[in-house]
């Protein structure tokens, strides 16, 4: 049972640490993740070149990357 209590306390400590982050730090972390997802999505569009052609896919990739902050 002691391990359960220590794990619970460990989680509580992580939550407390997370709560101490400023709004700017949260925003920065979310922006980083958002930009990574946009890049991953744009790069995954490569598989559609055979169906839509290279120019169309490249244009859509540029459009998607325009959403990055």
PDB file of N, CA and C in Angstrom:
ATOM      1  N   UNK A   1       0.825  -1.198   0.000  1.00  0.00           N
ATOM      2  CA  UNK A   1       0.000   0.000   0.000  1.00  0.00           C
ATOM      3  C   UNK A   1       0.865   1.256   0.000  1.00  0.00           C
ATOM      4  N   UNK A   2       2.051   1.145   0.565  1.00  0.00           N
ATOM      5  CA  UNK A   2       2.928   2.304   0.617  1.00  0.00           C
ATOM      6  C   UNK A   2       3.274   2.800  -0.790  1.00  0.00           C
ATOM      7  N   UNK A   3       3.502   1.855  -1.723  1.00  0.00           N
ATOM      8  CA  UNK A   3       3.830   2.252  -3.087  1.00  0.00           C
ATOM      9  C   UNK A   3       2.684   3.032  -3.723  1.00  0.00           C
ATOM     10  N   UNK A   4       1.460   2.631  -3.432  1.00  0.00           N
ATOM     11  CA  UNK A   4       0.302   3.336  -3.968  1.00  0.00           C
ATOM     12  C   UNK A   4       0.233   4.764  -3.471  1.00  0.00           C
ATOM     13  N   UNK A   5       0.537   4.937  -2.189  1.00  0.00           N
ATOM     14  CA  UNK A   5       0.515   6.288  -1.624  1.00  0.00           C
ATOM     15  C   UNK A   5       1.651   7.134  -2.183  1.00  0.00           C
ATOM     16  N   UNK A   6       2.815   6.546  -2.355  1.00  0.00           N
ATOM     17  CA  UNK A   6       3.929   7.329  -2.881  1.00  0.00           C
ATOM     18  C   UNK A   6       3.682   7.700  -4.344  1.00  0.00           C
ATOM     19  N   UNK A   7       3.056   6.801  -5.107  1.00  0.00           N
ATOM     20  CA  UNK A   7       2.738   7.113  -6.499  1.00  0.00           C
ATOM     21  C   UNK A   7       1.693   8.224  -6.563  1.00  0.00           C
ATOM     22  N   UNK A   8       0.722   8.148  -5.652  1.00  0.00           N
ATOM     23  CA  UNK A   8      -0.299   9.190  -5.605  1.00  0.00           C
ATOM     24  C   UNK A   8       0.350  10.540  -5.304  1.00  0.00           C
ATOM     25  N   UNK A   9       1.256  10.555  -4.361  1.00  0.00           N
ATOM     26  CA  UNK A   9       1.935  11.796  -4.004  1.00  0.00           C
ATOM     27  C   UNK A   9       2.792  12.305  -5.169  1.00  0.00           C
ATOM     28  N   UNK A  10       3.423  11.357  -5.886  1.00  0.00           N
ATOM     29  CA  UNK A  10       4.233  11.732  -7.034  1.00  0.00           C
ATOM     30  C   UNK A  10       3.375  12.419  -8.098  1.00  0.00           C
ATOM     31  N   UNK A  11       2.203  11.887  -8.340  1.00  0.00           N
ATOM     32  CA  UNK A  11       1.285  12.489  -9.309  1.00  0.00           C
ATOM     33  C   UNK A  11       0.821  13.857  -8.821  1.00  0.00           C
ATOM     34  N   UNK A  12       0.513  13.960  -7.542  1.00  0.00           N
ATOM     35  CA  UNK A  12       0.104  15.253  -6.987  1.00  0.00           C
ATOM     36  C   UNK A  12       1.214  16.286  -7.150  1.00  0.00           C
ATOM     37  N   UNK A  13       2.453  15.874  -6.943  1.00  0.00           N
ATOM     38  CA  UNK A  13       3.584  16.789  -7.113  1.00  0.00           C
ATOM     39  C   UNK A  13       3.711  17.247  -8.561  1.00  0.00           C
ATOM     40  N   UNK A  14       3.514  16.319  -9.504  1.00  0.00           N
ATOM     41  CA  UNK A  14       3.583  16.694 -10.920  1.00  0.00           C
ATOM     42  C   UNK A  14       2.495  17.693 -11.284  1.00  0.00           C
ATOM     43  N   UNK A  15       1.306  17.486 -10.747  1.00  0.00           N
ATOM     44  CA  UNK A  15       0.202  18.411 -11.008  1.00  0.00           C
ATOM     45  C   UNK A  15       0.511  19.784 -10.415  1.00  0.00           C
ATOM     46  N   UNK A  16       1.054  19.802  -9.206  1.00  0.00           N
ATOM     47  CA  UNK A  16       1.404  21.076  -8.580  1.00  0.00           C
ATOM     48  C   UNK A  16       2.462  21.814  -9.395  1.00  0.00           C
ATOM     49  N   UNK A  17       3.461  21.071  -9.887  1.00  0.00           N
ATOM     50  CA  UNK A  17       4.500  21.685 -10.711  1.00  0.00           C
ATOM     51  C   UNK A  17       3.882  22.257 -11.981  1.00  0.00           C
ATOM     52  N   UNK A  18       2.974  21.508 -12.572  1.00  0.00           N
ATOM     53  CA  UNK A  18       2.334  21.953 -13.799  1.00  0.00           C
ATOM     54  C   UNK A  18       1.511  23.216 -13.557  1.00  0.00           C
ATOM     55  N   UNK A  19       0.894  23.316 -12.407  1.00  0.00           N
ATOM     56  CA  UNK A  19       0.066  24.472 -12.086  1.00  0.00           C
ATOM     57  C   UNK A  19       0.906  25.726 -11.900  1.00  0.00           C
ATOM     58  N   UNK A  20       2.198  25.556 -11.633  1.00  0.00           N
ATOM     59  CA  UNK A  20       3.040  26.724 -11.407  1.00  0.00           C
ATOM     60  C   UNK A  20       3.557  27.328 -12.710  1.00  0.00           C
ATOM     61  N   UNK A  21       3.347  26.645 -13.826  1.00  0.00           N
ATOM     62  CA  UNK A  21       3.773  27.203 -15.099  1.00  0.00           C
ATOM     63  C   UNK A  21       2.925  28.434 -15.424  1.00  0.00           C
ATOM     64  N   UNK A  22       3.556  29.404 -15.994  1.00  0.00           N
ATOM     65  CA  UNK A  22       2.831  30.612 -16.346  1.00  0.00           C
ATOM     66  C   UNK A  22       2.013  30.379 -17.612  1.00  0.00           C
ATOM     67  N   UNK A  23       1.133  31.292 -17.882  1.00  0.00           N
ATOM     68  CA  UNK A  23       0.332  31.219 -19.099  1.00  0.00           C
ATOM     69  C   UNK A  23       1.241  31.200 -20.323  1.00  0.00           C
ATOM     70  N   UNK A  24       2.269  32.018 -20.309  1.00  0.00           N
ATOM     71  CA  UNK A  24       3.188  32.096 -21.450  1.00  0.00           C
ATOM     72  C   UNK A  24       3.899  30.763 -21.670  1.00  0.00           C
ATOM     73  N   UNK A  25       4.275  30.088 -20.591  1.00  0.00           N
ATOM     74  CA  UNK A  25       4.947  28.794 -20.714  1.00  0.00           C
ATOM     75  C   UNK A  25       3.997  27.734 -21.275  1.00  0.00           C
ATOM     76  N   UNK A  26       2.747  27.751 -20.822  1.00  0.00           N
ATOM     77  CA  UNK A  26       1.744  26.828 -21.368  1.00  0.00           C
ATOM     78  C   UNK A  26       1.511  27.119 -22.851  1.00  0.00           C
ATOM     79  N   UNK A  27       1.377  28.366 -23.181  1.00  0.00           N
ATOM     80  CA  UNK A  27       1.131  28.769 -24.569  1.00  0.00           C
ATOM     81  C   UNK A  27       2.288  28.341 -25.464  1.00  0.00           C
ATOM     82  N   UNK A  28       3.513  28.534 -24.969  1.00  0.00           N
ATOM     83  CA  UNK A  28       4.698  28.157 -25.736  1.00  0.00           C
ATOM     84  C   UNK A  28       4.737  26.642 -25.977  1.00  0.00           C
ATOM     85  N   UNK A  29       4.429  25.871 -24.948  1.00  0.00           N
ATOM     86  CA  UNK A  29       4.430  24.412 -25.082  1.00  0.00           C
ATOM     87  C   UNK A  29       3.348  23.955 -26.057  1.00  0.00           C
ATOM     88  N   UNK A  30       2.163  24.529 -25.960  1.00  0.00           N
ATOM     89  CA  UNK A  30       1.076  24.159 -26.867  1.00  0.00           C
ATOM     90  C   UNK A  30       1.380  24.557 -28.308  1.00  0.00           C
ATOM     91  N   UNK A  31       1.991  25.705 -28.490  1.00  0.00           N
ATOM     92  CA  UNK A  31       2.357  26.159 -29.825  1.00  0.00           C
ATOM     93  C   UNK A  31       3.379  25.214 -30.448  1.00  0.00           C
ATOM     94  N   UNK A  32       4.336  24.763 -29.646  1.00  0.00           N
ATOM     95  CA  UNK A  32       5.350  23.836 -30.143  1.00  0.00           C
ATOM     96  C   UNK A  32       4.698  22.535 -30.616  1.00  0.00           C
ATOM     97  N   UNK A  33       3.807  21.980 -29.808  1.00  0.00           N
ATOM     98  CA  UNK A  33       3.122  20.738 -30.173  1.00  0.00           C
ATOM     99  C   UNK A  33       2.261  20.956 -31.413  1.00  0.00           C
ATOM    100  N   UNK A  34       1.553  22.057 -31.454  1.00  0.00           N
ATOM    101  CA  UNK A  34       0.686  22.375 -32.604  1.00  0.00           C
ATOM    102  C   UNK A  34       1.502  22.443 -33.892  1.00  0.00           C
ATOM    103  N   UNK A  35       2.631  23.119 -33.840  1.00  0.00           N
ATOM    104  CA  UNK A  35       3.478  23.244 -35.021  1.00  0.00           C
ATOM    105  C   UNK A  35       4.040  21.894 -35.459  1.00  0.00           C
ATOM    106  N   UNK A  36       4.376  21.041 -34.496  1.00  0.00           N
ATOM    107  CA  UNK A  36       4.874  19.707 -34.826  1.00  0.00           C
ATOM    108  C   UNK A  36       3.789  18.881 -35.523  1.00  0.00           C
ATOM    109  N   UNK A  37       2.557  19.000 -35.043  1.00  0.00           N
ATOM    110  CA  UNK A  37       1.442  18.259 -35.659  1.00  0.00           C
ATOM    111  C   UNK A  37       1.196  18.763 -37.075  1.00  0.00           C
ATOM    112  N   UNK A  38       1.243  20.063 -37.264  1.00  0.00           N
ATOM    113  CA  UNK A  38       1.043  20.628 -38.606  1.00  0.00           C
ATOM    114  C   UNK A  38       2.134  20.142 -39.554  1.00  0.00           C
ATOM    115  N   UNK A  39       3.387  20.139 -39.096  1.00  0.00           N
ATOM    116  CA  UNK A  39       4.482  19.639 -39.926  1.00  0.00           C
ATOM    117  C   UNK A  39       4.289  18.169 -40.280  1.00  0.00           C
ATOM    118  N   UNK A  40       3.898  17.382 -39.285  1.00  0.00           N
ATOM    119  CA  UNK A  40       3.682  15.955 -39.523  1.00  0.00           C
ATOM    120  C   UNK A  40       2.560  15.731 -40.535  1.00  0.00           C
ATOM    121  N   UNK A  41       1.505  16.488 -40.413  1.00  0.00           N
ATOM    122  CA  UNK A  41       0.389  16.375 -41.347  1.00  0.00           C
ATOM    123  C   UNK A  41       0.812  16.772 -42.761  1.00  0.00           C
ATOM    124  N   UNK A  42       1.518  17.882 -42.866  1.00  0.00           N
ATOM    125  CA  UNK A  42       1.968  18.351 -44.178  1.00  0.00           C
ATOM    126  C   UNK A  42       2.911  17.329 -44.824  1.00  0.00           C
ATOM    127  N   UNK A  43       3.793  16.756 -44.030  1.00  0.00           N
ATOM    128  CA  UNK A  43       4.729  15.772 -44.569  1.00  0.00           C
ATOM    129  C   UNK A  43       4.026  14.480 -44.969  1.00  0.00           C
ATOM    130  N   UNK A  44       2.952  14.136 -44.287  1.00  0.00           N
ATOM    131  CA  UNK A  44       2.230  12.910 -44.619  1.00  0.00           C
ATOM    132  C   UNK A  44       1.459  13.051 -45.936  1.00  0.00           C
ATOM    133  N   UNK A  45       1.302  14.256 -46.407  1.00  0.00           N
ATOM    134  CA  UNK A  45       0.603  14.484 -47.671  1.00  0.00           C
ATOM    135  C   UNK A  45       1.390  13.953 -48.860  1.00  0.00           C
ATOM    136  N   UNK A  46       2.676  13.671 -48.680  1.00  0.00           N
ATOM    137  CA  UNK A  46       3.521  13.147 -49.754  1.00  0.00           C
ATOM    138  C   UNK A  46       2.917  11.899 -50.392  1.00  0.00           C
ATOM    139  N   UNK A  47       2.215  11.110 -49.596  1.00  0.00           N
ATOM    140  CA  UNK A  47       1.669   9.854 -50.108  1.00  0.00           C
ATOM    141  C   UNK A  47       0.548  10.059 -51.133  1.00  0.00           C
ATOM    142  N   UNK A  48       0.054  11.277 -51.250  1.00  0.00           N
ATOM    143  CA  UNK A  48      -1.037  11.548 -52.184  1.00  0.00           C
ATOM    144  C   UNK A  48      -0.560  12.119 -53.525  1.00  0.00           C
ATOM    145  N   UNK A  49       0.761  12.199 -53.714  1.00  0.00           N
ATOM    146  CA  UNK A  49       1.295  12.746 -54.970  1.00  0.00           C
ATOM    147  C   UNK A  49       0.803  11.954 -56.174  1.00  0.00           C
ATOM    148  N   UNK A  50       0.700  10.658 -56.045  1.00  0.00           N
ATOM    149  CA  UNK A  50       0.277   9.821 -57.179  1.00  0.00           C
ATOM    150  C   UNK A  50      -1.161  10.119 -57.592  1.00  0.00           C
ATOM    151  N   UNK A  51      -1.989  10.531 -56.625  1.00  0.00           N
ATOM    152  CA  UNK A  51      -3.403  10.765 -56.923  1.00  0.00           C
ATOM    153  C   UNK A  51      -3.683  12.200 -57.384  1.00  0.00           C
ATOM    154  N   UNK A  52      -2.978  13.153 -56.792  1.00  0.00           N
ATOM    155  CA  UNK A  52      -3.301  14.556 -57.068  1.00  0.00           C
ATOM    156  C   UNK A  52      -2.209  15.306 -57.820  1.00  0.00           C
ATOM    157  N   UNK A  53      -1.048  14.700 -57.965  1.00  0.00           N
ATOM    158  CA  UNK A  53       0.060  15.374 -58.639  1.00  0.00           C
ATOM    159  C   UNK A  53       0.908  16.157 -57.653  1.00  0.00           C
ATOM    160  N   UNK A  54       2.153  16.325 -58.007  1.00  0.00           N
ATOM    161  CA  UNK A  54       3.121  16.978 -57.117  1.00  0.00           C
ATOM    162  C   UNK A  54       2.808  18.432 -56.829  1.00  0.00           C
ATOM    163  N   UNK A  55       2.360  19.178 -57.838  1.00  0.00           N
ATOM    164  CA  UNK A  55       2.089  20.601 -57.644  1.00  0.00           C
ATOM    165  C   UNK A  55       0.921  20.827 -56.682  1.00  0.00           C
ATOM    166  N   UNK A  56      -0.120  20.025 -56.823  1.00  0.00           N
ATOM    167  CA  UNK A  56      -1.285  20.167 -55.951  1.00  0.00           C
ATOM    168  C   UNK A  56      -0.924  19.839 -54.510  1.00  0.00           C
ATOM    169  N   UNK A  57      -0.181  18.756 -54.330  1.00  0.00           N
ATOM    170  CA  UNK A  57       0.223  18.356 -52.977  1.00  0.00           C
ATOM    171  C   UNK A  57       1.145  19.411 -52.377  1.00  0.00           C
ATOM    172  N   UNK A  58       2.088  19.910 -53.148  1.00  0.00           N
ATOM    173  CA  UNK A  58       3.006  20.945 -52.642  1.00  0.00           C
ATOM    174  C   UNK A  58       2.243  22.206 -52.241  1.00  0.00           C
ATOM    175  N   UNK A  59       1.239  22.569 -53.022  1.00  0.00           N
ATOM    176  CA  UNK A  59       0.432  23.743 -52.694  1.00  0.00           C
ATOM    177  C   UNK A  59      -0.340  23.535 -51.394  1.00  0.00           C
ATOM    178  N   UNK A  60      -0.905  22.341 -51.241  1.00  0.00           N
ATOM    179  CA  UNK A  60      -1.661  22.058 -50.015  1.00  0.00           C
ATOM    180  C   UNK A  60      -0.734  21.996 -48.809  1.00  0.00           C
ATOM    181  N   UNK A  61       0.473  21.465 -48.989  1.00  0.00           N
ATOM    182  CA  UNK A  61       1.445  21.439 -47.895  1.00  0.00           C
ATOM    183  C   UNK A  61       1.804  22.867 -47.469  1.00  0.00           C
ATOM    184  N   UNK A  62       2.009  23.742 -48.431  1.00  0.00           N
ATOM    185  CA  UNK A  62       2.322  25.141 -48.122  1.00  0.00           C
ATOM    186  C   UNK A  62       1.158  25.798 -47.389  1.00  0.00           C
ATOM    187  N   UNK A  63      -0.061  25.486 -47.822  1.00  0.00           N
ATOM    188  CA  UNK A  63      -1.254  26.016 -47.165  1.00  0.00           C
ATOM    189  C   UNK A  63      -1.313  25.557 -45.707  1.00  0.00           C
ATOM    190  N   UNK A  64      -1.076  24.268 -45.469  1.00  0.00           N
ATOM    191  CA  UNK A  64      -1.104  23.738 -44.106  1.00  0.00           C
ATOM    192  C   UNK A  64      -0.033  24.377 -43.237  1.00  0.00           C
ATOM    193  N   UNK A  65       1.161  24.490 -43.783  1.00  0.00           N
ATOM    194  CA  UNK A  65       2.267  25.070 -43.003  1.00  0.00           C
ATOM    195  C   UNK A  65       2.033  26.548 -42.685  1.00  0.00           C
ATOM    196  N   UNK A  66       1.140  27.181 -43.436  1.00  0.00           N
ATOM    197  CA  UNK A  66       0.795  28.565 -43.153  1.00  0.00           C
ATOM    198  C   UNK A  66       0.031  28.725 -41.834  1.00  0.00           C
ATOM    199  N   UNK A  67      -0.476  27.638 -41.292  1.00  0.00           N
ATOM    200  CA  UNK A  67      -1.181  27.690 -40.014  1.00  0.00           C
ATOM    201  C   UNK A  67      -0.238  27.673 -38.820  1.00  0.00           C
ATOM    202  N   UNK A  68       1.051  27.467 -39.059  1.00  0.00           N
ATOM    203  CA  UNK A  68       2.002  27.433 -37.956  1.00  0.00           C
ATOM    204  C   UNK A  68       2.137  28.826 -37.343  1.00  0.00           C
ATOM    205  N   UNK A  69       2.376  28.834 -36.057  1.00  0.00           N
ATOM    206  CA  UNK A  69       2.562  30.116 -35.356  1.00  0.00           C
ATOM    207  C   UNK A  69       4.029  30.376 -35.122  1.00  0.00           C
TER     208      UNK A  69
END
